Amino acid sequence: MKNSLYLHSAVLFSSNEATGDAGGMRNLFDQNLSAKMLTLGMVNLFAQVTYPFTPLFSGDFSAMVNPLDGSSFIGPTLTYSLGNNLEIMLNGQLVFGSEGTEYGDYGKAIYGRIKWSF
């Protein structure tokens, strides 16, 4: 599958947010939440790689890092097509960091999905 690799990266900068530990969940609800507040930290780096291993099986790996407090999010995903209108997906939402950092207070989750399109 020639030319099937998808790469994406981004930098999110917010001048009004924390420059050290971003505070995680305990600060989330103390903030004045609005669409202008995209992150608790001042800087976030994002990267994503997607690749279809076969026409029926694809993988995705995404990660976001707050370099100022060292916390991170990792999201691996595997998708398999069972038929024309049925697919199964296994997804992880893994966060790492010390307590009080942007992502450190959330924990980890792995879940699956069966999708039927009609």
PDB file of N, CA and C in Angstrom:
ATOM      1  N   MET A   1       0.844  -1.171   0.000  1.00  0.00           N
ATOM      2  CA  MET A   1       0.000   0.000   0.000  1.00  0.00           C
ATOM      3  C   MET A   1       0.887   1.231   0.000  1.00  0.00           C
ATOM      4  N   LYS A   2       1.285   1.607  -1.160  1.00  0.00           N
ATOM      5  CA  LYS A   2       2.204   2.710  -1.362  1.00  0.00           C
ATOM      6  C   LYS A   2       1.582   4.041  -0.917  1.00  0.00           C
ATOM      7  N   ASN A   3       2.391   4.876  -0.265  1.00  0.00           N
ATOM      8  CA  ASN A   3       1.977   6.210   0.166  1.00  0.00           C
ATOM      9  C   ASN A   3       0.782   6.196   1.109  1.00  0.00           C
ATOM     10  N   SER A   4       0.738   5.249   2.032  1.00  0.00           N
ATOM     11  CA  SER A   4      -0.396   5.136   2.944  1.00  0.00           C
ATOM     12  C   SER A   4      -0.104   5.652   4.346  1.00  0.00           C
ATOM     13  N   LEU A   5       1.122   6.033   4.623  1.00  0.00           N
ATOM     14  CA  LEU A   5       1.494   6.514   5.948  1.00  0.00           C
ATOM     15  C   LEU A   5       0.992   7.938   6.140  1.00  0.00           C
ATOM     16  N   TYR A   6       0.319   8.176   7.262  1.00  0.00           N
ATOM     17  CA  TYR A   6      -0.187   9.502   7.595  1.00  0.00           C
ATOM     18  C   TYR A   6       0.546  10.005   8.835  1.00  0.00           C
ATOM     19  N   LEU A   7       1.179  11.155   8.746  1.00  0.00           N
ATOM     20  CA  LEU A   7       1.886  11.780   9.858  1.00  0.00           C
ATOM     21  C   LEU A   7       1.273  13.146  10.133  1.00  0.00           C
ATOM     22  N   HIS A   8       1.122  13.477  11.403  1.00  0.00           N
ATOM     23  CA  HIS A   8       0.524  14.756  11.775  1.00  0.00           C
ATOM     24  C   HIS A   8       1.206  15.237  13.052  1.00  0.00           C
ATOM     25  N   SER A   9       1.517  16.498  13.117  1.00  0.00           N
ATOM     26  CA  SER A   9       2.084  17.052  14.345  1.00  0.00           C
ATOM     27  C   SER A   9       1.555  18.471  14.537  1.00  0.00           C
ATOM     28  N   ALA A  10       1.561  18.911  15.798  1.00  0.00           N
ATOM     29  CA  ALA A  10       1.050  20.246  16.107  1.00  0.00           C
ATOM     30  C   ALA A  10       1.674  20.738  17.405  1.00  0.00           C
ATOM     31  N   VAL A  11       1.682  22.047  17.559  1.00  0.00           N
ATOM     32  CA  VAL A  11       2.094  22.697  18.800  1.00  0.00           C
ATOM     33  C   VAL A  11       0.956  23.612  19.221  1.00  0.00           C
ATOM     34  N   LEU A  12       0.535  23.482  20.471  1.00  0.00           N
ATOM     35  CA  LEU A  12      -0.516  24.341  21.015  1.00  0.00           C
ATOM     36  C   LEU A  12       0.122  25.254  22.054  1.00  0.00           C
ATOM     37  N   PHE A  13      -0.008  26.548  21.855  1.00  0.00           N
ATOM     38  CA  PHE A  13       0.543  27.527  22.787  1.00  0.00           C
ATOM     39  C   PHE A  13      -0.585  28.381  23.331  1.00  0.00           C
ATOM     40  N   SER A  14      -0.629  28.550  24.642  1.00  0.00           N
ATOM     41  CA  SER A  14      -1.645  29.380  25.286  1.00  0.00           C
ATOM     42  C   SER A  14      -0.937  30.317  26.268  1.00  0.00           C
ATOM     43  N   SER A  15      -0.998  31.596  26.028  1.00  0.00           N
ATOM     44  CA  SER A  15      -0.248  32.557  26.841  1.00  0.00           C
ATOM     45  C   SER A  15      -0.818  32.762  28.242  1.00  0.00           C
ATOM     46  N   ASN A  16      -2.041  32.330  28.497  1.00  0.00           N
ATOM     47  CA  ASN A  16      -2.667  32.580  29.800  1.00  0.00           C
ATOM     48  C   ASN A  16      -2.596  31.406  30.760  1.00  0.00           C
ATOM     49  N   GLU A  17      -1.952  30.323  30.381  1.00  0.00           N
ATOM     50  CA  GLU A  17      -2.008  29.112  31.207  1.00  0.00           C
ATOM     51  C   GLU A  17      -0.713  28.873  31.969  1.00  0.00           C
ATOM     52  N   ALA A  18      -0.679  27.783  32.747  1.00  0.00           N
ATOM     53  CA  ALA A  18       0.415  27.481  33.671  1.00  0.00           C
ATOM     54  C   ALA A  18       1.730  27.206  32.949  1.00  0.00           C
ATOM     55  N   THR A  19       2.823  27.712  33.552  1.00  0.00           N
ATOM     56  CA  THR A  19       4.153  27.452  33.003  1.00  0.00           C
ATOM     57  C   THR A  19       4.848  26.316  33.738  1.00  0.00           C
ATOM     58  N   GLY A  20       4.351  25.910  34.898  1.00  0.00           N
ATOM     59  CA  GLY A  20       4.901  24.781  35.646  1.00  0.00           C
ATOM     60  C   GLY A  20       3.889  23.650  35.634  1.00  0.00           C
ATOM     61  N   ASP A  21       3.691  23.001  36.802  1.00  0.00           N
ATOM     62  CA  ASP A  21       2.663  21.972  36.894  1.00  0.00           C
ATOM     63  C   ASP A  21       1.306  22.600  36.601  1.00  0.00           C
ATOM     64  N   ALA A  22       0.565  21.994  35.683  1.00  0.00           N
ATOM     65  CA  ALA A  22      -0.687  22.579  35.213  1.00  0.00           C
ATOM     66  C   ALA A  22      -1.863  22.328  36.146  1.00  0.00           C
ATOM     67  N   GLY A  23      -1.737  21.421  37.109  1.00  0.00           N
ATOM     68  CA  GLY A  23      -2.777  21.251  38.104  1.00  0.00           C
ATOM     69  C   GLY A  23      -3.741  20.115  37.865  1.00  0.00           C
ATOM     70  N   GLY A  24      -3.812  19.557  36.704  1.00  0.00           N
ATOM     71  CA  GLY A  24      -4.659  18.403  36.428  1.00  0.00           C
ATOM     72  C   GLY A  24      -6.111  18.612  36.776  1.00  0.00           C
ATOM     73  N   MET A  25      -6.769  17.530  37.205  1.00  0.00           N
ATOM     74  CA  MET A  25      -8.196  17.565  37.473  1.00  0.00           C
ATOM     75  C   MET A  25      -8.564  18.527  38.596  1.00  0.00           C
ATOM     76  N   ARG A  26      -7.708  18.663  39.576  1.00  0.00           N
ATOM     77  CA  ARG A  26      -8.075  19.535  40.707  1.00  0.00           C
ATOM     78  C   ARG A  26      -8.186  20.990  40.267  1.00  0.00           C
ATOM     79  N   ASN A  27      -7.424  21.412  39.257  1.00  0.00           N
ATOM     80  CA  ASN A  27      -7.515  22.783  38.749  1.00  0.00           C
ATOM     81  C   ASN A  27      -8.545  22.944  37.638  1.00  0.00           C
ATOM     82  N   LEU A  28      -8.929  21.863  37.007  1.00  0.00           N
ATOM     83  CA  LEU A  28      -9.819  21.952  35.850  1.00  0.00           C
ATOM     84  C   LEU A  28     -11.113  22.666  36.190  1.00  0.00           C
ATOM     85  N   PHE A  29     -11.717  22.332  37.320  1.00  0.00           N
ATOM     86  CA  PHE A  29     -13.008  22.900  37.662  1.00  0.00           C
ATOM     87  C   PHE A  29     -12.892  24.218  38.425  1.00  0.00           C
ATOM     88  N   ASP A  30     -11.682  24.600  38.820  1.00  0.00           N
ATOM     89  CA  ASP A  30     -11.461  25.899  39.451  1.00  0.00           C
ATOM     90  C   ASP A  30     -11.284  26.999  38.403  1.00  0.00           C
ATOM     91  N   GLN A  31     -11.094  26.617  37.163  1.00  0.00           N
ATOM     92  CA  GLN A  31     -10.844  27.570  36.085  1.00  0.00           C
ATOM     93  C   GLN A  31     -12.163  28.128  35.550  1.00  0.00           C
ATOM     94  N   ASN A  32     -12.087  29.265  34.916  1.00  0.00           N
ATOM     95  CA  ASN A  32     -13.224  29.830  34.201  1.00  0.00           C
ATOM     96  C   ASN A  32     -13.233  29.180  32.821  1.00  0.00           C
ATOM     97  N   LEU A  33     -13.938  28.057  32.675  1.00  0.00           N
ATOM     98  CA  LEU A  33     -13.906  27.283  31.438  1.00  0.00           C
ATOM     99  C   LEU A  33     -14.573  28.032  30.293  1.00  0.00           C
ATOM    100  N   SER A  34     -13.902  28.043  29.158  1.00  0.00           N
ATOM    101  CA  SER A  34     -14.446  28.659  27.949  1.00  0.00           C
ATOM    102  C   SER A  34     -13.765  28.026  26.740  1.00  0.00           C
ATOM    103  N   ALA A  35     -14.251  28.349  25.569  1.00  0.00           N
ATOM    104  CA  ALA A  35     -13.651  27.837  24.341  1.00  0.00           C
ATOM    105  C   ALA A  35     -12.250  28.402  24.120  1.00  0.00           C
ATOM    106  N   LYS A  36     -11.914  29.487  24.787  1.00  0.00           N
ATOM    107  CA  LYS A  36     -10.579  30.084  24.667  1.00  0.00           C
ATOM    108  C   LYS A  36      -9.535  29.329  25.485  1.00  0.00           C
ATOM    109  N   MET A  37      -9.982  28.478  26.420  1.00  0.00           N
ATOM    110  CA  MET A  37      -9.065  27.708  27.263  1.00  0.00           C
ATOM    111  C   MET A  37      -8.973  26.290  26.713  1.00  0.00           C
ATOM    112  N   LEU A  38      -8.042  26.057  25.819  1.00  0.00           N
ATOM    113  CA  LEU A  38      -7.912  24.748  25.175  1.00  0.00           C
ATOM    114  C   LEU A  38      -7.081  23.772  25.992  1.00  0.00           C
ATOM    115  N   THR A  39      -6.288  24.265  26.909  1.00  0.00           N
ATOM    116  CA  THR A  39      -5.398  23.423  27.692  1.00  0.00           C
ATOM    117  C   THR A  39      -5.101  24.086  29.026  1.00  0.00           C
ATOM    118  N   LEU A  40      -4.731  23.278  30.018  1.00  0.00           N
ATOM    119  CA  LEU A  40      -4.338  23.843  31.311  1.00  0.00           C
ATOM    120  C   LEU A  40      -2.894  24.338  31.302  1.00  0.00           C
ATOM    121  N   GLY A  41      -2.067  23.756  30.442  1.00  0.00           N
ATOM    122  CA  GLY A  41      -0.659  24.129  30.359  1.00  0.00           C
ATOM    123  C   GLY A  41      -0.410  25.174  29.291  1.00  0.00           C
ATOM    124  N   MET A  42       0.755  25.792  29.353  1.00  0.00           N
ATOM    125  CA  MET A  42       1.108  26.822  28.378  1.00  0.00           C
ATOM    126  C   MET A  42       1.460  26.230  27.010  1.00  0.00           C
ATOM    127  N   VAL A  43       2.122  25.062  27.001  1.00  0.00           N
ATOM    128  CA  VAL A  43       2.576  24.457  25.747  1.00  0.00           C
ATOM    129  C   VAL A  43       2.196  22.977  25.732  1.00  0.00           C
ATOM    130  N   ASN A  44       1.671  22.502  24.614  1.00  0.00           N
ATOM    131  CA  ASN A  44       1.432  21.075  24.391  1.00  0.00           C
ATOM    132  C   ASN A  44       1.943  20.709  23.012  1.00  0.00           C
ATOM    133  N   LEU A  45       2.624  19.576  22.913  1.00  0.00           N
ATOM    134  CA  LEU A  45       3.127  19.060  21.639  1.00  0.00           C
ATOM    135  C   LEU A  45       2.312  17.824  21.298  1.00  0.00           C
ATOM    136  N   PHE A  46       1.892  17.708  20.043  1.00  0.00           N
ATOM    137  CA  PHE A  46       1.059  16.596  19.597  1.00  0.00           C
ATOM    138  C   PHE A  46       1.690  15.935  18.378  1.00  0.00           C
ATOM    139  N   ALA A  47       1.599  14.598  18.313  1.00  0.00           N
ATOM    140  CA  ALA A  47       2.066  13.855  17.136  1.00  0.00           C
ATOM    141  C   ALA A  47       1.143  12.656  16.925  1.00  0.00           C
ATOM    142  N   GLN A  48       0.931  12.310  15.654  1.00  0.00           N
ATOM    143  CA  GLN A  48       0.068  11.180  15.310  1.00  0.00           C
ATOM    144  C   GLN A  48       0.633  10.466  14.089  1.00  0.00           C
ATOM    145  N   VAL A  49       0.579   9.136  14.128  1.00  0.00           N
ATOM    146  CA  VAL A  49       0.986   8.290  13.015  1.00  0.00           C
ATOM    147  C   VAL A  49      -0.144   7.304  12.765  1.00  0.00           C
ATOM    148  N   THR A  50      -0.588   7.201  11.515  1.00  0.00           N
ATOM    149  CA  THR A  50      -1.628   6.249  11.135  1.00  0.00           C
ATOM    150  C   THR A  50      -1.131   5.457   9.934  1.00  0.00           C
ATOM    151  N   TYR A  51      -1.388   4.146   9.958  1.00  0.00           N
ATOM    152  CA  TYR A  51      -0.944   3.311   8.841  1.00  0.00           C
ATOM    153  C   TYR A  51      -1.897   2.131   8.653  1.00  0.00           C
ATOM    154  N   PRO A  52      -2.392   1.921   7.427  1.00  0.00           N
ATOM    155  CA  PRO A  52      -3.188   0.721   7.151  1.00  0.00           C
ATOM    156  C   PRO A  52      -2.251  -0.448   6.825  1.00  0.00           C
ATOM    157  N   PHE A  53      -2.126  -1.387   7.742  1.00  0.00           N
ATOM    158  CA  PHE A  53      -1.241  -2.534   7.527  1.00  0.00           C
ATOM    159  C   PHE A  53      -1.727  -3.404   6.377  1.00  0.00           C
ATOM    160  N   THR A  54      -3.024  -3.585   6.299  1.00  0.00           N
ATOM    161  CA  THR A  54      -3.687  -4.278   5.189  1.00  0.00           C
ATOM    162  C   THR A  54      -4.944  -3.478   4.867  1.00  0.00           C
ATOM    163  N   PRO A  55      -5.658  -3.802   3.800  1.00  0.00           N
ATOM    164  CA  PRO A  55      -6.911  -3.087   3.530  1.00  0.00           C
ATOM    165  C   PRO A  55      -7.957  -3.239   4.652  1.00  0.00           C
ATOM    166  N   LEU A  56      -7.836  -4.285   5.473  1.00  0.00           N
ATOM    167  CA  LEU A  56      -8.819  -4.526   6.532  1.00  0.00           C
ATOM    168  C   LEU A  56      -8.332  -4.138   7.927  1.00  0.00           C
ATOM    169  N   PHE A  57      -7.034  -3.971   8.116  1.00  0.00           N
ATOM    170  CA  PHE A  57      -6.451  -3.766   9.445  1.00  0.00           C
ATOM    171  C   PHE A  57      -5.590  -2.505   9.455  1.00  0.00           C
ATOM    172  N   SER A  58      -5.891  -1.575  10.365  1.00  0.00           N
ATOM    173  CA  SER A  58      -5.104  -0.345  10.443  1.00  0.00           C
ATOM    174  C   SER A  58      -4.747  -0.034  11.892  1.00  0.00           C
ATOM    175  N   GLY A  59      -3.705   0.753  12.052  1.00  0.00           N
ATOM    176  CA  GLY A  59      -3.245   1.155  13.378  1.00  0.00           C
ATOM    177  C   GLY A  59      -3.016   2.647  13.435  1.00  0.00           C
ATOM    178  N   ASP A  60      -3.162   3.193  14.625  1.00  0.00           N
ATOM    179  CA  ASP A  60      -2.978   4.619  14.848  1.00  0.00           C
ATOM    180  C   ASP A  60      -2.278   4.783  16.190  1.00  0.00           C
ATOM    181  N   PHE A  61      -1.348   5.703  16.256  1.00  0.00           N
ATOM    182  CA  PHE A  61      -0.662   6.006  17.507  1.00  0.00           C
ATOM    183  C   PHE A  61      -0.591   7.519  17.636  1.00  0.00           C
ATOM    184  N   SER A  62      -1.148   8.050  18.704  1.00  0.00           N
ATOM    185  CA  SER A  62      -1.083   9.486  18.935  1.00  0.00           C
ATOM    186  C   SER A  62      -0.524   9.751  20.328  1.00  0.00           C
ATOM    187  N   ALA A  63       0.122  10.890  20.481  1.00  0.00           N
ATOM    188  CA  ALA A  63       0.703  11.262  21.768  1.00  0.00           C
ATOM    189  C   ALA A  63       0.671  12.776  21.924  1.00  0.00           C
ATOM    190  N   MET A  64       0.456  13.213  23.164  1.00  0.00           N
ATOM    191  CA  MET A  64       0.499  14.628  23.491  1.00  0.00           C
ATOM    192  C   MET A  64       1.343  14.782  24.749  1.00  0.00           C
ATOM    193  N   VAL A  65       2.231  15.765  24.747  1.00  0.00           N
ATOM    194  CA  VAL A  65       3.166  15.972  25.853  1.00  0.00           C
ATOM    195  C   VAL A  65       3.111  17.432  26.286  1.00  0.00           C
ATOM    196  N   ASN A  66       3.073  17.639  27.593  1.00  0.00           N
ATOM    197  CA  ASN A  66       3.271  18.968  28.150  1.00  0.00           C
ATOM    198  C   ASN A  66       4.737  19.021  28.583  1.00  0.00           C
ATOM    199  N   PRO A  67       5.607  19.675  27.824  1.00  0.00           N
ATOM    200  CA  PRO A  67       7.040  19.651  28.152  1.00  0.00           C
ATOM    201  C   PRO A  67       7.391  20.446  29.412  1.00  0.00           C
ATOM    202  N   LEU A  68       6.497  21.300  29.876  1.00  0.00           N
ATOM    203  CA  LEU A  68       6.796  22.114  31.056  1.00  0.00           C
ATOM    204  C   LEU A  68       6.583  21.364  32.365  1.00  0.00           C
ATOM    205  N   ASP A  69       5.658  20.394  32.385  1.00  0.00           N
ATOM    206  CA  ASP A  69       5.477  19.616  33.616  1.00  0.00           C
ATOM    207  C   ASP A  69       5.772  18.124  33.420  1.00  0.00           C
ATOM    208  N   GLY A  70       6.125  17.709  32.206  1.00  0.00           N
ATOM    209  CA  GLY A  70       6.533  16.334  31.949  1.00  0.00           C
ATOM    210  C   GLY A  70       5.414  15.317  31.860  1.00  0.00           C
ATOM    211  N   SER A  71       4.170  15.745  31.834  1.00  0.00           N
ATOM    212  CA  SER A  71       3.062  14.796  31.736  1.00  0.00           C
ATOM    213  C   SER A  71       2.749  14.515  30.267  1.00  0.00           C
ATOM    214  N   SER A  72       2.076  13.375  30.013  1.00  0.00           N
ATOM    215  CA  SER A  72       1.814  13.001  28.634  1.00  0.00           C
ATOM    216  C   SER A  72       0.562  12.138  28.501  1.00  0.00           C
ATOM    217  N   PHE A  73       0.036  12.104  27.285  1.00  0.00           N
ATOM    218  CA  PHE A  73      -1.096  11.265  26.899  1.00  0.00           C
ATOM    219  C   PHE A  73      -0.641  10.414  25.722  1.00  0.00           C
ATOM    220  N   ILE A  74      -0.958   9.123  25.755  1.00  0.00           N
ATOM    221  CA  ILE A  74      -0.656   8.223  24.636  1.00  0.00           C
ATOM    222  C   ILE A  74      -1.944   7.504  24.252  1.00  0.00           C
ATOM    223  N   GLY A  75      -2.249   7.475  22.963  1.00  0.00           N
ATOM    224  CA  GLY A  75      -3.483   6.859  22.492  1.00  0.00           C
ATOM    225  C   GLY A  75      -3.249   5.896  21.339  1.00  0.00           C
ATOM    226  N   PRO A  76      -2.984   4.614  21.625  1.00  0.00           N
ATOM    227  CA  PRO A  76      -2.868   3.631  20.543  1.00  0.00           C
ATOM    228  C   PRO A  76      -4.261   3.115  20.134  1.00  0.00           C
ATOM    229  N   THR A  77      -4.438   2.849  18.839  1.00  0.00           N
ATOM    230  CA  THR A  77      -5.714   2.345  18.325  1.00  0.00           C
ATOM    231  C   THR A  77      -5.456   1.305  17.240  1.00  0.00           C
ATOM    232  N   LEU A  78      -6.188   0.204  17.298  1.00  0.00           N
ATOM    233  CA  LEU A  78      -6.175  -0.816  16.250  1.00  0.00           C
ATOM    234  C   LEU A  78      -7.603  -1.001  15.756  1.00  0.00           C
ATOM    235  N   THR A  79      -7.780  -1.019  14.430  1.00  0.00           N
ATOM    236  CA  THR A  79      -9.107  -1.167  13.830  1.00  0.00           C
ATOM    237  C   THR A  79      -9.066  -2.290  12.807  1.00  0.00           C
ATOM    238  N   TYR A  80     -10.100  -3.145  12.857  1.00  0.00           N
ATOM    239  CA  TYR A  80     -10.201  -4.252  11.906  1.00  0.00           C
ATOM    240  C   TYR A  80     -11.601  -4.279  11.309  1.00  0.00           C
ATOM    241  N   SER A  81     -11.682  -4.333   9.985  1.00  0.00           N
ATOM    242  CA  SER A  81     -12.961  -4.393   9.292  1.00  0.00           C
ATOM    243  C   SER A  81     -13.420  -5.848   9.187  1.00  0.00           C
ATOM    244  N   LEU A  82     -14.593  -6.117   9.750  1.00  0.00           N
ATOM    245  CA  LEU A  82     -15.163  -7.465   9.712  1.00  0.00           C
ATOM    246  C   LEU A  82     -16.045  -7.681   8.487  1.00  0.00           C
ATOM    247  N   GLY A  83     -16.405  -6.618   7.812  1.00  0.00           N
ATOM    248  CA  GLY A  83     -17.254  -6.694   6.624  1.00  0.00           C
ATOM    249  C   GLY A  83     -17.488  -5.300   6.070  1.00  0.00           C
ATOM    250  N   ASN A  84     -18.368  -5.191   5.074  1.00  0.00           N
ATOM    251  CA  ASN A  84     -18.626  -3.895   4.450  1.00  0.00           C
ATOM    252  C   ASN A  84     -19.170  -2.862   5.422  1.00  0.00           C
ATOM    253  N   ASN A  85     -19.925  -3.290   6.419  1.00  0.00           N
ATOM    254  CA  ASN A  85     -20.536  -2.331   7.322  1.00  0.00           C
ATOM    255  C   ASN A  85     -20.305  -2.669   8.804  1.00  0.00           C
ATOM    256  N   LEU A  86     -19.268  -3.452   9.099  1.00  0.00           N
ATOM    257  CA  LEU A  86     -18.998  -3.860  10.475  1.00  0.00           C
ATOM    258  C   LEU A  86     -17.502  -3.786  10.749  1.00  0.00           C
ATOM    259  N   GLU A  87     -17.132  -3.089  11.841  1.00  0.00           N
ATOM    260  CA  GLU A  87     -15.728  -3.012  12.221  1.00  0.00           C
ATOM    261  C   GLU A  87     -15.592  -3.120  13.726  1.00  0.00           C
ATOM    262  N   ILE A  88     -14.416  -3.550  14.141  1.00  0.00           N
ATOM    263  CA  ILE A  88     -14.095  -3.669  15.560  1.00  0.00           C
ATOM    264  C   ILE A  88     -12.850  -2.825  15.826  1.00  0.00           C
ATOM    265  N   MET A  89     -12.835  -2.155  16.988  1.00  0.00           N
ATOM    266  CA  MET A  89     -11.726  -1.269  17.314  1.00  0.00           C
ATOM    267  C   MET A  89     -11.303  -1.507  18.766  1.00  0.00           C
ATOM    268  N   LEU A  90     -10.009  -1.465  19.008  1.00  0.00           N
ATOM    269  CA  LEU A  90      -9.439  -1.513  20.350  1.00  0.00           C
ATOM    270  C   LEU A  90      -8.652  -0.223  20.537  1.00  0.00           C
ATOM    271  N   ASN A  91      -8.969   0.509  21.605  1.00  0.00           N
ATOM    272  CA  ASN A  91      -8.402   1.835  21.799  1.00  0.00           C
ATOM    273  C   ASN A  91      -7.868   1.968  23.222  1.00  0.00           C
ATOM    274  N   GLY A  92      -6.748   2.640  23.373  1.00  0.00           N
ATOM    275  CA  GLY A  92      -6.198   2.922  24.686  1.00  0.00           C
ATOM    276  C   GLY A  92      -6.104   4.418  24.915  1.00  0.00           C
ATOM    277  N   GLN A  93      -6.380   4.840  26.132  1.00  0.00           N
ATOM    278  CA  GLN A  93      -6.175   6.224  26.549  1.00  0.00           C
ATOM    279  C   GLN A  93      -5.317   6.159  27.805  1.00  0.00           C
ATOM    280  N   LEU A  94      -4.033   6.378  27.621  1.00  0.00           N
ATOM    281  CA  LEU A  94      -3.061   6.205  28.691  1.00  0.00           C
ATOM    282  C   LEU A  94      -2.421   7.550  29.012  1.00  0.00           C
ATOM    283  N   VAL A  95      -2.496   7.952  30.268  1.00  0.00           N
ATOM    284  CA  VAL A  95      -1.891   9.224  30.668  1.00  0.00           C
ATOM    285  C   VAL A  95      -0.830   8.968  31.721  1.00  0.00           C
ATOM    286  N   PHE A  96       0.214   9.760  31.676  1.00  0.00           N
ATOM    287  CA  PHE A  96       1.357   9.597  32.566  1.00  0.00           C
ATOM    288  C   PHE A  96       1.753  10.955  33.121  1.00  0.00           C
ATOM    289  N   GLY A  97       2.189  10.964  34.355  1.00  0.00           N
ATOM    290  CA  GLY A  97       2.660  12.188  34.983  1.00  0.00           C
ATOM    291  C   GLY A  97       2.452  12.146  36.477  1.00  0.00           C
ATOM    292  N   SER A  98       3.127  13.005  37.163  1.00  0.00           N
ATOM    293  CA  SER A  98       2.993  13.106  38.615  1.00  0.00           C
ATOM    294  C   SER A  98       1.677  13.783  38.977  1.00  0.00           C
ATOM    295  N   GLU A  99       1.243  13.595  40.211  1.00  0.00           N
ATOM    296  CA  GLU A  99       0.028  14.250  40.679  1.00  0.00           C
ATOM    297  C   GLU A  99       0.210  15.760  40.598  1.00  0.00           C
ATOM    298  N   GLY A 100      -0.795  16.443  40.098  1.00  0.00           N
ATOM    299  CA  GLY A 100      -0.728  17.891  39.946  1.00  0.00           C
ATOM    300  C   GLY A 100      -0.262  18.359  38.588  1.00  0.00           C
ATOM    301  N   THR A 101       0.183  17.436  37.732  1.00  0.00           N
ATOM    302  CA  THR A 101       0.558  17.817  36.374  1.00  0.00           C
ATOM    303  C   THR A 101      -0.686  17.790  35.492  1.00  0.00           C
ATOM    304  N   GLU A 102      -0.567  18.268  34.262  1.00  0.00           N
ATOM    305  CA  GLU A 102      -1.739  18.389  33.388  1.00  0.00           C
ATOM    306  C   GLU A 102      -2.450  17.059  33.151  1.00  0.00           C
ATOM    307  N   TYR A 103      -1.703  15.993  32.872  1.00  0.00           N
ATOM    308  CA  TYR A 103      -2.324  14.710  32.575  1.00  0.00           C
ATOM    309  C   TYR A 103      -2.161  13.674  33.681  1.00  0.00           C
ATOM    310  N   GLY A 104      -1.427  13.993  34.746  1.00  0.00           N
ATOM    311  CA  GLY A 104      -1.074  13.003  35.752  1.00  0.00           C
ATOM    312  C   GLY A 104      -2.198  12.472  36.613  1.00  0.00           C
ATOM    313  N   ASP A 105      -3.331  13.157  36.685  1.00  0.00           N
ATOM    314  CA  ASP A 105      -4.401  12.775  37.604  1.00  0.00           C
ATOM    315  C   ASP A 105      -5.511  11.938  36.969  1.00  0.00           C
ATOM    316  N   TYR A 106      -5.409  11.568  35.715  1.00  0.00           N
ATOM    317  CA  TYR A 106      -6.555  10.982  35.016  1.00  0.00           C
ATOM    318  C   TYR A 106      -6.587   9.462  34.986  1.00  0.00           C
ATOM    319  N   GLY A 107      -5.476   8.769  35.041  1.00  0.00           N
ATOM    320  CA  GLY A 107      -5.489   7.310  34.995  1.00  0.00           C
ATOM    321  C   GLY A 107      -5.366   6.775  33.575  1.00  0.00           C
ATOM    322  N   LYS A 108      -5.725   5.504  33.426  1.00  0.00           N
ATOM    323  CA  LYS A 108      -5.566   4.833  32.133  1.00  0.00           C
ATOM    324  C   LYS A 108      -6.843   4.064  31.807  1.00  0.00           C
ATOM    325  N   ALA A 109      -7.152   3.941  30.517  1.00  0.00           N
ATOM    326  CA  ALA A 109      -8.340   3.199  30.094  1.00  0.00           C
ATOM    327  C   ALA A 109      -8.047   2.500  28.773  1.00  0.00           C
ATOM    328  N   ILE A 110      -8.550   1.301  28.644  1.00  0.00           N
ATOM    329  CA  ILE A 110      -8.506   0.561  27.380  1.00  0.00           C
ATOM    330  C   ILE A 110      -9.928   0.089  27.124  1.00  0.00           C
ATOM    331  N   TYR A 111     -10.419   0.310  25.929  1.00  0.00           N
ATOM    332  CA  TYR A 111     -11.786  -0.094  25.618  1.00  0.00           C
ATOM    333  C   TYR A 111     -11.895  -0.545  24.174  1.00  0.00           C
ATOM    334  N   GLY A 112     -12.971  -1.222  23.888  1.00  0.00           N
ATOM    335  CA  GLY A 112     -13.235  -1.707  22.545  1.00  0.00           C
ATOM    336  C   GLY A 112     -14.550  -1.161  22.031  1.00  0.00           C
ATOM    337  N   ARG A 113     -14.713  -1.241  20.707  1.00  0.00           N
ATOM    338  CA  ARG A 113     -15.944  -0.770  20.073  1.00  0.00           C
ATOM    339  C   ARG A 113     -16.257  -1.688  18.906  1.00  0.00           C
ATOM    340  N   ILE A 114     -17.519  -2.015  18.762  1.00  0.00           N
ATOM    341  CA  ILE A 114     -18.007  -2.696  17.563  1.00  0.00           C
ATOM    342  C   ILE A 114     -18.939  -1.705  16.891  1.00  0.00           C
ATOM    343  N   LYS A 115     -18.650  -1.364  15.620  1.00  0.00           N
ATOM    344  CA  LYS A 115     -19.437  -0.367  14.899  1.00  0.00           C
ATOM    345  C   LYS A 115     -20.130  -1.018  13.711  1.00  0.00           C
ATOM    346  N   TRP A 116     -21.437  -0.841  13.664  1.00  0.00           N
ATOM    347  CA  TRP A 116     -22.245  -1.329  12.544  1.00  0.00           C
ATOM    348  C   TRP A 116     -22.810  -0.114  11.819  1.00  0.00           C
ATOM    349  N   SER A 117     -22.500   0.020  10.559  1.00  0.00           N
ATOM    350  CA  SER A 117     -23.011   1.127   9.742  1.00  0.00           C
ATOM    351  C   SER A 117     -24.163   0.617   8.891  1.00  0.00           C
ATOM    352  N   PHE A 118     -25.222   1.381   8.859  1.00  0.00           N
ATOM    353  CA  PHE A 118     -26.393   0.945   8.058  1.00  0.00           C
ATOM    354  C   PHE A 118     -26.865   2.056   7.154  1.00  0.00           C
TER     355      PHE A 118
END
